[in-house]
Amino acid sequence: MRWIWWSFSAVVLIGCGEGTSGTDLCKKVFVPYPDMISQRTRTHMNATYVDGMAEYSQGNYAAARDSIEKFLRVQRADVTGYMYLACSYIALGDPYKAELQLDHLEKRDILHYDDQIEWYTVVCWLCSGQTDRARAGAERIVSEGTHTYVREAKELLAELPATKP
C-alpha cells in the first residue's frame, strides 16, 4: 500500500515540475490588453465598468473581474469588457474562463478585435497547458504576416519546447 502512495506522489511531483516551466512561459508571454476605458467620462451607465478598469490598470485583477462581470450582466451593448475580463482571468490564473470571454467577444463579430481574440486565445491555450494548440495558433498568426501579434507569436514559438516526433 505504501508503494502506491509513493508512486502517486512521484507522479504528482513530476507533473508539478512540468507545469512550472509552462507557468513561467505563460507569465512571460501574457501582457494584459492596454486599458482604453478608464479615461472615459464616468456616467451612471458605465460607472461599474470605469471603476473596474481603474482596478485593472492598477493590476487589481480580482476587483476588475468583479466590476466588469457586474457591468456585462447589465450593459451587454458594450462588449469591449469581454477583452478586459479575459485578461483579468488570465492574470488570475484561470485561462479556461478567459477563453470563454473571448468566445463571447468573437460571437459578436467585432472586426477590430479579430487579432486580439486570436492572440489571447493562444495565450489561454499556453496558460492552460495546451502547448500543441498554442504552437499551432502562433504558427497561424506568424503565417498571416500582417497580424498585430506576429512579433509576440514568433517570440512564443522561439520559447516553446521542440515538438515531439
Protein backbone atom coordinates (compact mmCIF):
# COMPACT_ATOMS: atom_id res chain seq x y z
CA MET A 1 0.00 0.00 0.00
CA ARG A 2 2.86 2.35 0.82
CA TRP A 3 4.39 1.87 -2.66
CA ILE A 4 1.11 3.05 -4.25
CA TRP A 5 1.26 6.27 -2.24
CA TRP A 6 4.93 6.82 -3.19
CA SER A 7 4.18 6.13 -6.86
CA PHE A 8 1.27 8.55 -6.80
CA SER A 9 3.41 11.20 -5.05
CA ALA A 10 6.17 10.81 -7.65
CA VAL A 11 3.68 11.29 -10.50
CA VAL A 12 2.23 14.38 -8.83
CA LEU A 13 5.68 15.88 -8.25
CA ILE A 14 6.81 15.17 -11.79
CA GLY A 15 3.61 16.72 -13.13
CA CYS A 16 4.11 19.82 -10.99
CA GLY A 17 7.66 20.20 -12.26
CA GLU A 18 6.47 20.14 -15.86
CA GLY A 19 3.80 22.72 -15.15
CA THR A 20 6.23 25.18 -13.65
CA SER A 21 8.03 25.92 -16.90
CA GLY A 22 4.68 26.33 -18.66
CA THR A 23 3.54 28.67 -15.91
CA ASP A 24 6.72 30.70 -16.25
CA LEU A 25 6.26 30.90 -20.00
CA CYS A 26 2.64 31.92 -19.52
CA LYS A 27 3.72 34.76 -17.22
CA LYS A 28 6.43 35.78 -19.67
CA VAL A 29 4.13 35.82 -22.70
CA PHE A 30 0.99 37.29 -21.14
CA VAL A 31 0.77 41.06 -21.36
CA PRO A 32 -2.64 42.45 -20.40
CA TYR A 33 -4.51 44.25 -23.15
CA PRO A 34 -3.96 48.01 -22.75
CA ASP A 35 -6.60 49.94 -20.85
CA MET A 36 -8.50 52.20 -23.21
CA ILE A 37 -11.54 52.56 -20.99
CA SER A 38 -10.72 54.02 -17.58
CA GLN A 39 -10.30 57.53 -19.00
CA ARG A 40 -13.89 57.58 -20.27
CA THR A 41 -16.21 60.07 -18.68
CA ARG A 42 -17.91 58.29 -15.80
CA THR A 43 -21.70 58.10 -16.08
CA HIS A 44 -24.34 56.17 -14.19
CA MET A 45 -24.45 53.74 -17.14
CA ASN A 46 -20.71 52.94 -17.22
CA ALA A 47 -19.62 53.61 -13.62
CA THR A 48 -19.10 49.94 -12.79
CA TYR A 49 -17.03 49.43 -15.94
CA VAL A 50 -14.90 52.55 -15.46
CA ASP A 51 -14.32 51.62 -11.81
CA GLY A 52 -13.37 48.08 -12.80
CA MET A 53 -10.97 49.39 -15.39
CA ALA A 54 -9.32 51.63 -12.80
CA GLU A 55 -8.67 48.43 -10.81
CA TYR A 56 -7.44 46.68 -13.98
CA SER A 57 -4.95 49.48 -14.64
CA GLN A 58 -3.61 49.07 -11.11
CA GLY A 59 -3.20 45.31 -11.55
CA ASN A 60 -6.04 44.51 -9.15
CA TYR A 61 -7.48 41.85 -11.42
CA ALA A 62 -9.90 40.25 -8.95
CA ALA A 63 -11.60 43.59 -8.30
CA ALA A 64 -11.55 44.34 -12.03
CA ARG A 65 -13.11 40.97 -12.80
CA ASP A 66 -15.90 41.54 -10.30
CA SER A 67 -16.76 45.01 -11.61
CA ILE A 68 -16.55 44.09 -15.28
CA GLU A 69 -18.69 40.98 -14.76
CA LYS A 70 -21.30 43.10 -12.99
CA PHE A 71 -21.22 45.65 -15.83
CA LEU A 72 -21.59 42.99 -18.54
CA ARG A 73 -24.61 41.46 -16.79
CA VAL A 74 -26.41 44.80 -17.08
CA GLN A 75 -24.91 46.52 -20.11
CA ARG A 76 -24.46 43.97 -22.88
CA ALA A 77 -24.13 46.51 -25.72
CA ASP A 78 -20.54 47.47 -24.86
CA VAL A 79 -18.82 44.14 -25.41
CA THR A 80 -15.29 45.52 -25.08
CA GLY A 81 -15.50 44.43 -21.46
CA TYR A 82 -15.08 40.82 -22.53
CA MET A 83 -11.49 41.54 -23.65
CA TYR A 84 -10.58 43.01 -20.28
CA LEU A 85 -12.45 40.29 -18.43
CA ALA A 86 -10.50 37.66 -20.38
CA CYS A 87 -7.20 39.32 -19.48
CA SER A 88 -8.27 39.56 -15.84
CA TYR A 89 -8.98 35.83 -15.81
CA ILE A 90 -5.61 35.04 -17.41
CA ALA A 91 -3.86 37.21 -14.83
CA LEU A 92 -5.78 35.38 -12.08
CA GLY A 93 -4.67 32.00 -13.42
CA ASP A 94 -7.97 30.89 -14.94
CA PRO A 95 -7.34 30.58 -18.69
CA TYR A 96 -10.43 28.46 -19.30
CA LYS A 97 -12.74 31.23 -18.10
CA ALA A 98 -10.64 33.70 -20.09
CA GLU A 99 -11.16 31.71 -23.26
CA LEU A 100 -14.91 31.71 -22.65
CA GLN A 101 -14.89 35.52 -22.53
CA LEU A 102 -13.01 35.63 -25.82
CA ASP A 103 -15.65 33.30 -27.28
CA HIS A 104 -18.35 35.79 -26.22
CA LEU A 105 -16.45 38.58 -27.95
CA GLU A 106 -15.85 36.50 -31.07
CA LYS A 107 -19.56 35.66 -31.39
CA ARG A 108 -20.31 39.39 -31.55
CA ASP A 109 -18.20 39.55 -34.73
CA ILE A 110 -16.45 42.82 -33.93
CA LEU A 111 -13.86 43.01 -36.69
CA HIS A 112 -11.40 45.29 -34.93
CA TYR A 113 -10.86 42.63 -32.23
CA ASP A 114 -10.04 39.68 -34.51
CA ASP A 115 -6.28 39.82 -33.92
CA GLN A 116 -6.68 40.31 -30.18
CA ILE A 117 -9.12 37.42 -29.89
CA GLU A 118 -6.79 35.14 -31.82
CA TRP A 119 -3.68 36.09 -29.84
CA TYR A 120 -5.26 35.94 -26.39
CA THR A 121 -6.81 32.59 -27.26
CA VAL A 122 -3.28 31.33 -27.99
CA VAL A 123 -2.22 32.72 -24.60
CA CYS A 124 -5.16 30.89 -22.96
CA TRP A 125 -4.05 27.64 -24.56
CA LEU A 126 -0.49 28.19 -23.43
CA CYS A 127 -1.52 29.05 -19.89
CA SER A 128 -3.80 26.00 -19.66
CA GLY A 129 -1.00 23.65 -20.75
CA GLN A 130 -2.29 23.11 -24.29
CA THR A 131 1.10 23.79 -25.86
CA ASP A 132 0.37 21.97 -29.11
CA ARG A 133 -2.69 24.15 -29.70
CA ALA A 134 -0.76 27.25 -28.65
CA ARG A 135 2.04 26.38 -31.07
CA ALA A 136 -0.43 25.81 -33.93
CA GLY A 137 -2.20 29.08 -33.17
CA ALA A 138 1.07 31.00 -33.00
CA GLU A 139 2.16 29.44 -36.31
CA ARG A 140 -1.12 30.59 -37.91
CA ILE A 141 -0.53 34.12 -36.65
CA VAL A 142 3.03 34.18 -37.99
CA SER A 143 1.89 32.82 -41.36
CA GLU A 144 -0.60 35.69 -41.73
CA GLY A 145 2.27 38.17 -41.76
CA THR A 146 0.13 41.26 -41.14
CA HIS A 147 -1.31 40.12 -37.82
CA THR A 148 -1.00 42.60 -34.93
CA TYR A 149 0.72 39.97 -32.77
CA VAL A 150 3.23 38.50 -35.26
CA ARG A 151 6.21 39.54 -33.12
CA GLU A 152 4.70 38.05 -29.97
CA ALA A 153 3.81 34.83 -31.79
CA LYS A 154 7.37 34.50 -33.14
CA GLU A 155 8.76 35.04 -29.64
CA LEU A 156 6.41 32.40 -28.26
CA LEU A 157 7.43 29.90 -30.92
CA ALA A 158 11.09 30.50 -30.07
CA GLU A 159 10.35 29.78 -26.39
CA LEU A 160 8.20 26.69 -26.81
CA PRO A 161 9.93 23.35 -26.41
CA ALA A 162 10.51 21.45 -29.64
CA THR A 163 7.65 19.29 -30.80
CA LYS A 164 7.87 15.58 -30.11
CA PRO A 165 8.31 13.38 -33.19
